[in-house]
Amino acid sequence: MWPNYACYSLLVSGKLIREHPGLVEQIVKTQINAIKYAVEHLDEVAEV
């Protein structure tokens, strides 16, 4: 990791994908929104 850089990763099991695809879709959408927010608010995210 680099200073002032937030690293993003998401891991979802195959079982969760098979058994709850709608939930996985929402998790991925939430992750994408979080990344967009972080990119738009770099200073705030770096402080956290």
PDB file of N, CA and C in Angstrom:
ATOM      1  N   MET A   1       0.819  -1.173   0.000  1.00  0.00           N
ATOM      2  CA  MET A   1       0.000   0.000   0.000  1.00  0.00           C
ATOM      3  C   MET A   1       0.873   1.250   0.000  1.00  0.00           C
ATOM      4  N   TRP A   2       0.420   2.257  -0.697  1.00  0.00           N
ATOM      5  CA  TRP A   2       1.143   3.511  -0.756  1.00  0.00           C
ATOM      6  C   TRP A   2       0.516   4.514   0.204  1.00  0.00           C
ATOM      7  N   PRO A   3       1.275   5.468   0.693  1.00  0.00           N
ATOM      8  CA  PRO A   3       0.699   6.516   1.546  1.00  0.00           C
ATOM      9  C   PRO A   3      -0.433   7.251   0.815  1.00  0.00           C
ATOM     10  N   ASN A   4      -1.489   7.550   1.539  1.00  0.00           N
ATOM     11  CA  ASN A   4      -2.648   8.281   1.002  1.00  0.00           C
ATOM     12  C   ASN A   4      -3.348   7.559  -0.155  1.00  0.00           C
ATOM     13  N   TYR A   5      -3.207   6.260  -0.210  1.00  0.00           N
ATOM     14  CA  TYR A   5      -3.852   5.487  -1.263  1.00  0.00           C
ATOM     15  C   TYR A   5      -4.696   4.394  -0.626  1.00  0.00           C
ATOM     16  N   ALA A   6      -5.966   4.385  -0.945  1.00  0.00           N
ATOM     17  CA  ALA A   6      -6.853   3.343  -0.424  1.00  0.00           C
ATOM     18  C   ALA A   6      -6.862   2.174  -1.410  1.00  0.00           C
ATOM     19  N   CYS A   7      -6.648   0.993  -0.926  1.00  0.00           N
ATOM     20  CA  CYS A   7      -6.633  -0.197  -1.768  1.00  0.00           C
ATOM     21  C   CYS A   7      -7.996  -0.890  -1.652  1.00  0.00           C
ATOM     22  N   TYR A   8      -8.552  -1.292  -2.762  1.00  0.00           N
ATOM     23  CA  TYR A   8      -9.883  -1.891  -2.766  1.00  0.00           C
ATOM     24  C   TYR A   8      -9.807  -3.321  -3.275  1.00  0.00           C
ATOM     25  N   SER A   9     -10.435  -4.207  -2.557  1.00  0.00           N
ATOM     26  CA  SER A   9     -10.564  -5.569  -3.052  1.00  0.00           C
ATOM     27  C   SER A   9     -11.839  -6.168  -2.482  1.00  0.00           C
ATOM     28  N   LEU A  10     -12.390  -7.098  -3.195  1.00  0.00           N
ATOM     29  CA  LEU A  10     -13.615  -7.755  -2.781  1.00  0.00           C
ATOM     30  C   LEU A  10     -13.509  -9.209  -3.189  1.00  0.00           C
ATOM     31  N   LEU A  11     -13.795 -10.079  -2.257  1.00  0.00           N
ATOM     32  CA  LEU A  11     -13.759 -11.508  -2.515  1.00  0.00           C
ATOM     33  C   LEU A  11     -15.114 -12.089  -2.165  1.00  0.00           C
ATOM     34  N   VAL A  12     -15.681 -12.852  -3.082  1.00  0.00           N
ATOM     35  CA  VAL A  12     -16.985 -13.478  -2.866  1.00  0.00           C
ATOM     36  C   VAL A  12     -16.851 -14.957  -3.199  1.00  0.00           C
ATOM     37  N   SER A  13     -17.345 -15.797  -2.315  1.00  0.00           N
ATOM     38  CA  SER A  13     -17.232 -17.238  -2.549  1.00  0.00           C
ATOM     39  C   SER A  13     -18.185 -17.695  -3.648  1.00  0.00           C
ATOM     40  N   GLY A  14     -17.809 -18.773  -4.294  1.00  0.00           N
ATOM     41  CA  GLY A  14     -18.664 -19.369  -5.311  1.00  0.00           C
ATOM     42  C   GLY A  14     -20.000 -19.793  -4.740  1.00  0.00           C
ATOM     43  N   LYS A  15     -19.994 -20.274  -3.510  1.00  0.00           N
ATOM     44  CA  LYS A  15     -21.231 -20.698  -2.851  1.00  0.00           C
ATOM     45  C   LYS A  15     -22.183 -19.518  -2.693  1.00  0.00           C
ATOM     46  N   LEU A  16     -21.650 -18.374  -2.252  1.00  0.00           N
ATOM     47  CA  LEU A  16     -22.496 -17.198  -2.091  1.00  0.00           C
ATOM     48  C   LEU A  16     -23.044 -16.740  -3.442  1.00  0.00           C
ATOM     49  N   ILE A  17     -22.213 -16.786  -4.464  1.00  0.00           N
ATOM     50  CA  ILE A  17     -22.662 -16.405  -5.803  1.00  0.00           C
ATOM     51  C   ILE A  17     -23.792 -17.322  -6.271  1.00  0.00           C
ATOM     52  N   ARG A  18     -23.630 -18.616  -6.077  1.00  0.00           N
ATOM     53  CA  ARG A  18     -24.649 -19.571  -6.518  1.00  0.00           C
ATOM     54  C   ARG A  18     -25.937 -19.446  -5.714  1.00  0.00           C
ATOM     55  N   GLU A  19     -25.805 -19.301  -4.395  1.00  0.00           N
ATOM     56  CA  GLU A  19     -26.979 -19.336  -3.525  1.00  0.00           C
ATOM     57  C   GLU A  19     -27.662 -17.981  -3.367  1.00  0.00           C
ATOM     58  N   HIS A  20     -26.929 -16.885  -3.576  1.00  0.00           N
ATOM     59  CA  HIS A  20     -27.493 -15.551  -3.352  1.00  0.00           C
ATOM     60  C   HIS A  20     -26.978 -14.556  -4.393  1.00  0.00           C
ATOM     61  N   PRO A  21     -27.260 -14.788  -5.663  1.00  0.00           N
ATOM     62  CA  PRO A  21     -26.719 -13.906  -6.695  1.00  0.00           C
ATOM     63  C   PRO A  21     -27.183 -12.455  -6.556  1.00  0.00           C
ATOM     64  N   GLY A  22     -28.412 -12.242  -6.122  1.00  0.00           N
ATOM     65  CA  GLY A  22     -28.907 -10.877  -5.943  1.00  0.00           C
ATOM     66  C   GLY A  22     -28.151 -10.132  -4.863  1.00  0.00           C
ATOM     67  N   LEU A  23     -27.844 -10.831  -3.789  1.00  0.00           N
ATOM     68  CA  LEU A  23     -27.068 -10.234  -2.707  1.00  0.00           C
ATOM     69  C   LEU A  23     -25.668  -9.869  -3.193  1.00  0.00           C
ATOM     70  N   VAL A  24     -25.053 -10.772  -3.941  1.00  0.00           N
ATOM     71  CA  VAL A  24     -23.711 -10.503  -4.482  1.00  0.00           C
ATOM     72  C   VAL A  24     -23.752  -9.286  -5.404  1.00  0.00           C
ATOM     73  N   GLU A  25     -24.782  -9.180  -6.205  1.00  0.00           N
ATOM     74  CA  GLU A  25     -24.912  -8.024  -7.093  1.00  0.00           C
ATOM     75  C   GLU A  25     -24.960  -6.730  -6.278  1.00  0.00           C
ATOM     76  N   GLN A  26     -25.712  -6.727  -5.203  1.00  0.00           N
ATOM     77  CA  GLN A  26     -25.803  -5.528  -4.367  1.00  0.00           C
ATOM     78  C   GLN A  26     -24.476  -5.227  -3.660  1.00  0.00           C
ATOM     79  N   ILE A  27     -23.777  -6.252  -3.236  1.00  0.00           N
ATOM     80  CA  ILE A  27     -22.467  -6.062  -2.601  1.00  0.00           C
ATOM     81  C   ILE A  27     -21.500  -5.409  -3.592  1.00  0.00           C
ATOM     82  N   VAL A  28     -21.486  -5.900  -4.822  1.00  0.00           N
ATOM     83  CA  VAL A  28     -20.596  -5.350  -5.843  1.00  0.00           C
ATOM     84  C   VAL A  28     -20.968  -3.897  -6.149  1.00  0.00           C
ATOM     85  N   LYS A  29     -22.259  -3.612  -6.267  1.00  0.00           N
ATOM     86  CA  LYS A  29     -22.698  -2.243  -6.516  1.00  0.00           C
ATOM     87  C   LYS A  29     -22.278  -1.317  -5.375  1.00  0.00           C
ATOM     88  N   THR A  30     -22.403  -1.797  -4.146  1.00  0.00           N
ATOM     89  CA  THR A  30     -21.992  -1.010  -2.990  1.00  0.00           C
ATOM     90  C   THR A  30     -20.497  -0.737  -3.025  1.00  0.00           C
ATOM     91  N   GLN A  31     -19.723  -1.748  -3.387  1.00  0.00           N
ATOM     92  CA  GLN A  31     -18.272  -1.583  -3.489  1.00  0.00           C
ATOM     93  C   GLN A  31     -17.921  -0.543  -4.556  1.00  0.00           C
ATOM     94  N   ILE A  32     -18.582  -0.603  -5.683  1.00  0.00           N
ATOM     95  CA  ILE A  32     -18.334   0.368  -6.757  1.00  0.00           C
ATOM     96  C   ILE A  32     -18.660   1.777  -6.276  1.00  0.00           C
ATOM     97  N   ASN A  33     -19.786   1.937  -5.591  1.00  0.00           N
ATOM     98  CA  ASN A  33     -20.148   3.261  -5.071  1.00  0.00           C
ATOM     99  C   ASN A  33     -19.139   3.757  -4.046  1.00  0.00           C
ATOM    100  N   ALA A  34     -18.636   2.875  -3.218  1.00  0.00           N
ATOM    101  CA  ALA A  34     -17.631   3.257  -2.226  1.00  0.00           C
ATOM    102  C   ALA A  34     -16.342   3.719  -2.911  1.00  0.00           C
ATOM    103  N   ILE A  35     -15.943   3.035  -3.953  1.00  0.00           N
ATOM    104  CA  ILE A  35     -14.738   3.427  -4.695  1.00  0.00           C
ATOM    105  C   ILE A  35     -14.939   4.790  -5.352  1.00  0.00           C
ATOM    106  N   LYS A  36     -16.106   4.995  -5.977  1.00  0.00           N
ATOM    107  CA  LYS A  36     -16.390   6.294  -6.598  1.00  0.00           C
ATOM    108  C   LYS A  36     -16.332   7.402  -5.552  1.00  0.00           C
ATOM    109  N   TYR A  37     -16.910   7.162  -4.394  1.00  0.00           N
ATOM    110  CA  TYR A  37     -16.885   8.167  -3.330  1.00  0.00           C
ATOM    111  C   TYR A  37     -15.450   8.460  -2.913  1.00  0.00           C
ATOM    112  N   ALA A  38     -14.677   7.408  -2.727  1.00  0.00           N
ATOM    113  CA  ALA A  38     -13.289   7.581  -2.290  1.00  0.00           C
ATOM    114  C   ALA A  38     -12.486   8.387  -3.304  1.00  0.00           C
ATOM    115  N   VAL A  39     -12.682   8.116  -4.583  1.00  0.00           N
ATOM    116  CA  VAL A  39     -11.958   8.835  -5.630  1.00  0.00           C
ATOM    117  C   VAL A  39     -12.339  10.322  -5.612  1.00  0.00           C
ATOM    118  N   GLU A  40     -13.598  10.599  -5.327  1.00  0.00           N
ATOM    119  CA  GLU A  40     -14.076  11.986  -5.319  1.00  0.00           C
ATOM    120  C   GLU A  40     -13.736  12.721  -4.025  1.00  0.00           C
ATOM    121  N   HIS A  41     -13.337  11.996  -2.983  1.00  0.00           N
ATOM    122  CA  HIS A  41     -13.051  12.589  -1.682  1.00  0.00           C
ATOM    123  C   HIS A  41     -11.725  12.074  -1.126  1.00  0.00           C
ATOM    124  N   LEU A  42     -10.683  12.206  -1.926  1.00  0.00           N
ATOM    125  CA  LEU A  42      -9.387  11.620  -1.581  1.00  0.00           C
ATOM    126  C   LEU A  42      -8.840  12.099  -0.233  1.00  0.00           C
ATOM    127  N   ASP A  43      -8.933  13.387   0.031  1.00  0.00           N
ATOM    128  CA  ASP A  43      -8.386  13.904   1.291  1.00  0.00           C
ATOM    129  C   ASP A  43      -9.096  13.304   2.497  1.00  0.00           C
ATOM    130  N   GLU A  44     -10.406  13.248   2.425  1.00  0.00           N
ATOM    131  CA  GLU A  44     -11.194  12.672   3.524  1.00  0.00           C
ATOM    132  C   GLU A  44     -10.866  11.201   3.723  1.00  0.00           C
ATOM    133  N   VAL A  45     -10.787  10.467   2.649  1.00  0.00           N
ATOM    134  CA  VAL A  45     -10.483   9.039   2.728  1.00  0.00           C
ATOM    135  C   VAL A  45      -9.076   8.803   3.263  1.00  0.00           C
ATOM    136  N   ALA A  46      -8.136   9.635   2.852  1.00  0.00           N
ATOM    137  CA  ALA A  46      -6.749   9.490   3.314  1.00  0.00           C
ATOM    138  C   ALA A  46      -6.665   9.692   4.818  1.00  0.00           C
ATOM    139  N   GLU A  47      -7.474  10.603   5.366  1.00  0.00           N
ATOM    140  CA  GLU A  47      -7.468  10.826   6.813  1.00  0.00           C
ATOM    141  C   GLU A  47      -7.975   9.605   7.564  1.00  0.00           C
ATOM    142  N   VAL A  48      -8.992   8.971   7.022  1.00  0.00           N
ATOM    143  CA  VAL A  48      -9.589   7.800   7.687  1.00  0.00           C
ATOM    144  C   VAL A  48      -8.601   6.653   7.655  1.00  0.00           C
TER     145      VAL A  48
END
